[in-house]
């Protein structure tokens, strides 16, 4: 990468135009059929409700590439046949690849396996850089304290907003409940989303309470 290219703004090629973008989270009660009208529709992991109440388009599918979830997917012979995987036009791996020496004795990074699985599909696979994680910890730190461990949804949203040019329409964010694995700084992430909404960078569509 040339020295004059900002690694954050270049982290995610193909989404820096002025087209409408929808982010569809996985919170229970997510109804995001309207997201299908966007030029780009980003979904996450198992994408519950895909094909039903949460919509049926996906241009980018973010797949967590560290931890047990990716290990399970790599062992599942039917993973590539899942509807949300088949219909994705590109994939996003939110964590950079760990060196082999840092990935033992018990591996936590499955980036190599994920790339080997996905690349034969002939679709783009984007790996978000360590610089993005540094920026995520910087912006979440004042509210979260310590060294926060951002969620995949936050990392994708941050990468997207950093790469969007001035004047781009607000990102439509559906189905973000800011709850889940207790190791993520949910309150700090919620505050960042609220600030981005107040600045006109995104619009939050909370999941329904009956989900």
Protein backbone atom coordinates (compact mmCIF):
# COMPACT_ATOMS: atom_id res chain seq x y z
CA UNK A 1 0.00 0.00 0.00
CA UNK A 2 1.47 3.43 -0.88
CA UNK A 3 2.66 5.50 2.10
CA UNK A 4 0.13 8.26 1.37
CA UNK A 5 -2.91 5.94 1.59
CA UNK A 6 -4.79 6.03 4.89
CA UNK A 7 -5.05 2.33 5.89
CA UNK A 8 -8.39 2.96 7.59
CA UNK A 9 -10.01 4.57 4.56
CA UNK A 10 -8.53 1.93 2.25
CA UNK A 11 -9.49 -0.96 4.53
CA UNK A 12 -12.68 -1.77 2.75
CA UNK A 13 -12.64 -1.32 -1.01
CA UNK A 14 -15.92 -1.05 -2.85
CA UNK A 15 -17.99 0.74 -0.21
CA UNK A 16 -16.62 4.28 -0.39
CA UNK A 17 -19.13 5.59 -2.91
CA UNK A 18 -22.33 7.54 -2.36
CA UNK A 19 -24.70 4.58 -2.59
CA UNK A 20 -27.19 3.77 0.16
CA UNK A 21 -25.92 1.20 2.67
CA UNK A 22 -27.88 -0.90 5.18
CA UNK A 23 -26.29 -2.64 8.16
CA UNK A 24 -28.47 -5.47 9.48
CA UNK A 25 -27.62 -6.75 12.95
CA UNK A 26 -28.77 -9.94 14.61
CA UNK A 27 -30.78 -8.72 17.59
CA UNK A 28 -33.99 -10.65 18.32
CA UNK A 29 -37.01 -8.94 16.80
CA UNK A 30 -35.11 -7.46 13.86
CA UNK A 31 -37.43 -6.47 11.03
CA UNK A 32 -35.36 -5.12 8.16
CA UNK A 33 -37.18 -5.85 4.93
CA UNK A 34 -36.66 -2.20 3.97
CA UNK A 35 -32.90 -2.82 3.98
CA UNK A 36 -33.21 -4.78 0.74
CA UNK A 37 -33.69 -1.54 -1.19
CA UNK A 38 -30.17 -0.30 -0.36
CA UNK A 39 -27.33 -0.53 -2.86
CA UNK A 40 -25.26 -2.46 -0.31
CA UNK A 41 -26.70 -4.69 2.44
CA UNK A 42 -24.27 -5.91 5.11
CA UNK A 43 -25.15 -8.81 7.41
CA UNK A 44 -23.37 -10.75 10.13
CA UNK A 45 -22.49 -14.35 10.90
CA UNK A 46 -25.55 -16.63 10.94
CA UNK A 47 -27.89 -13.74 10.00
CA UNK A 48 -31.01 -15.00 11.82
CA UNK A 49 -34.21 -14.10 10.03
CA UNK A 50 -32.51 -13.90 6.65
CA UNK A 51 -35.04 -14.63 3.93
CA UNK A 52 -37.89 -13.60 6.21
CA UNK A 53 -38.55 -10.66 8.47
CA UNK A 54 -34.99 -9.32 8.27
CA UNK A 55 -34.88 -9.21 4.47
CA UNK A 56 -33.46 -11.37 1.71
CA UNK A 57 -30.52 -9.47 0.18
CA UNK A 58 -26.90 -9.55 1.27
CA UNK A 59 -24.04 -7.95 -0.63
CA UNK A 60 -21.47 -8.33 2.17
CA UNK A 61 -21.45 -10.98 4.89
CA UNK A 62 -19.18 -10.40 7.89
CA UNK A 63 -17.96 -13.66 9.43
CA UNK A 64 -16.12 -13.62 12.75
CA UNK A 65 -12.79 -15.31 12.11
CA UNK A 66 -11.54 -15.78 15.66
CA UNK A 67 -12.92 -18.15 18.27
CA UNK A 68 -15.17 -21.17 18.32
CA UNK A 69 -17.79 -19.96 15.87
CA UNK A 70 -15.45 -20.03 12.88
CA UNK A 71 -14.03 -23.34 14.08
CA UNK A 72 -17.56 -24.78 13.93
CA UNK A 73 -18.19 -23.34 10.45
CA UNK A 74 -14.97 -24.80 9.09
CA UNK A 75 -16.03 -28.24 10.36
CA UNK A 76 -19.52 -27.96 8.85
CA UNK A 77 -19.63 -29.54 5.36
CA UNK A 78 -22.87 -27.68 4.63
CA UNK A 79 -21.65 -24.21 5.57
CA UNK A 80 -21.21 -22.97 1.99
CA UNK A 81 -24.73 -24.13 1.17
CA UNK A 82 -26.37 -21.83 3.73
CA UNK A 83 -28.64 -19.34 1.93
CA UNK A 84 -26.96 -16.24 3.37
CA UNK A 85 -23.52 -17.57 2.37
CA UNK A 86 -24.62 -18.58 -1.13
CA UNK A 87 -26.22 -15.21 -1.81
CA UNK A 88 -23.44 -13.01 -0.43
CA UNK A 89 -21.50 -11.13 -3.08
CA UNK A 90 -18.47 -10.54 -0.83
CA UNK A 91 -17.22 -11.49 2.62
CA UNK A 92 -15.65 -9.50 5.44
CA UNK A 93 -13.33 -11.02 8.06
CA UNK A 94 -13.14 -8.50 10.91
CA UNK A 95 -9.87 -9.68 12.51
CA UNK A 96 -6.41 -9.55 10.93
CA UNK A 97 -4.49 -12.81 10.67
CA UNK A 98 -2.38 -13.70 13.68
CA UNK A 99 1.16 -14.96 13.05
CA UNK A 100 1.44 -18.70 13.56
CA UNK A 101 3.68 -18.17 16.59
CA UNK A 102 0.89 -16.19 18.29
CA UNK A 103 -1.80 -18.74 17.47
CA UNK A 104 -0.73 -21.69 19.62
CA UNK A 105 -0.88 -23.93 21.51
CA UNK A 106 -4.67 -23.43 21.34
CA UNK A 107 -5.58 -21.62 18.10
CA UNK A 108 -7.97 -18.70 18.28
CA UNK A 109 -7.41 -17.28 14.78
CA UNK A 110 -8.96 -19.20 11.89
CA UNK A 111 -8.30 -16.66 9.15
CA UNK A 112 -6.21 -19.04 7.03
CA UNK A 113 -8.93 -21.66 7.08
CA UNK A 114 -11.62 -19.08 6.34
CA UNK A 115 -9.69 -17.75 3.34
CA UNK A 116 -9.11 -21.28 2.04
CA UNK A 117 -12.83 -21.97 2.35
CA UNK A 118 -14.14 -18.74 0.85
CA UNK A 119 -11.68 -17.76 -1.89
CA UNK A 120 -12.58 -20.65 -4.23
CA UNK A 121 -16.07 -19.11 -4.45
CA UNK A 122 -14.52 -16.36 -6.58
CA UNK A 123 -15.98 -13.56 -4.45
CA UNK A 124 -14.02 -10.77 -2.74
CA UNK A 125 -12.88 -11.42 0.82
CA UNK A 126 -11.89 -8.31 2.82
CA UNK A 127 -9.82 -8.66 6.02
CA UNK A 128 -10.08 -5.60 8.25
CA UNK A 129 -6.67 -4.32 9.40
CA UNK A 130 -5.11 -3.99 12.83
CA UNK A 131 -5.18 -0.20 12.38
CA UNK A 132 -8.97 -0.38 12.51
CA UNK A 133 -8.83 -2.24 15.83
CA UNK A 134 -6.48 0.40 17.21
CA UNK A 135 -8.96 3.09 16.18
CA UNK A 136 -11.86 1.12 17.69
CA UNK A 137 -10.07 0.85 21.02
CA UNK A 138 -9.25 4.57 20.86
CA UNK A 139 -12.85 5.69 20.32
CA UNK A 140 -14.36 3.20 22.78
CA UNK A 141 -11.73 3.61 25.48
CA UNK A 142 -13.09 6.76 27.17
CA UNK A 143 -16.41 5.02 27.88
CA UNK A 144 -15.25 1.42 28.20
CA UNK A 145 -11.95 1.84 29.99
CA UNK A 146 -8.95 -0.46 29.71
CA UNK A 147 -8.43 -2.22 26.39
CA UNK A 148 -11.94 -2.81 25.01
CA UNK A 149 -12.74 -5.79 22.79
CA UNK A 150 -15.11 -4.40 20.13
CA UNK A 151 -17.85 -6.51 18.57
CA UNK A 152 -17.85 -7.51 14.92
CA UNK A 153 -20.84 -5.22 14.36
CA UNK A 154 -18.95 -2.26 15.76
CA UNK A 155 -15.81 -2.97 13.73
CA UNK A 156 -17.79 -3.21 10.51
CA UNK A 157 -19.74 -0.03 11.26
CA UNK A 158 -16.56 1.86 12.12
CA UNK A 159 -14.78 0.69 8.96
CA UNK A 160 -17.78 1.67 6.90
CA UNK A 161 -18.14 5.16 8.34
CA UNK A 162 -14.41 5.85 8.12
CA UNK A 163 -14.48 4.96 4.44
CA UNK A 164 -17.63 6.91 3.51
CA UNK A 165 -17.01 10.27 1.84
CA UNK A 166 -18.52 13.51 3.06
CA UNK A 167 -22.01 13.92 1.70
CA UNK A 168 -22.79 10.20 1.58
CA UNK A 169 -26.28 9.31 2.79
CA UNK A 170 -26.63 8.11 6.35
CA UNK A 171 -26.07 4.39 6.85
CA UNK A 172 -29.31 2.64 7.83
CA UNK A 173 -28.56 0.44 10.87
CA UNK A 174 -31.17 -2.19 11.68
CA UNK A 175 -31.24 -4.77 14.44
CA UNK A 176 -28.49 -3.56 16.76
CA UNK A 177 -29.52 -4.49 20.30
CA UNK A 178 -26.12 -3.85 21.97
CA UNK A 179 -26.25 -7.06 23.96
CA UNK A 180 -24.61 -10.46 23.73
CA UNK A 181 -21.22 -11.84 24.71
CA UNK A 182 -20.28 -10.04 27.96
CA UNK A 183 -16.72 -9.38 26.82
CA UNK A 184 -17.81 -6.64 24.41
CA UNK A 185 -18.21 -3.02 25.64
CA UNK A 186 -21.91 -2.74 24.71
CA UNK A 187 -22.62 0.52 26.54
CA UNK A 188 -19.66 2.24 24.88
CA UNK A 189 -20.69 0.90 21.47
CA UNK A 190 -24.25 2.10 21.99
CA UNK A 191 -22.92 5.57 22.86
CA UNK A 192 -20.78 5.65 19.70
CA UNK A 193 -23.76 4.68 17.52
CA UNK A 194 -25.83 7.40 19.19
CA UNK A 195 -23.12 9.99 18.49
CA UNK A 196 -22.89 8.87 14.86
CA UNK A 197 -26.67 9.15 14.55
CA UNK A 198 -26.62 12.64 16.08
CA UNK A 199 -23.98 13.64 13.52
CA UNK A 200 -26.17 12.39 10.67
CA UNK A 201 -23.76 9.57 9.71
CA UNK A 202 -26.26 6.79 10.38
CA UNK A 203 -29.88 6.15 11.33
CA UNK A 204 -30.73 3.60 14.01
CA UNK A 205 -33.77 1.35 13.55
CA UNK A 206 -34.05 -0.51 16.89
CA UNK A 207 -35.34 -4.09 16.93
CA UNK A 208 -38.92 -4.55 18.04
CA UNK A 209 -39.46 -5.36 21.69
CA UNK A 210 -41.50 -8.47 20.92
CA UNK A 211 -38.62 -10.42 19.38
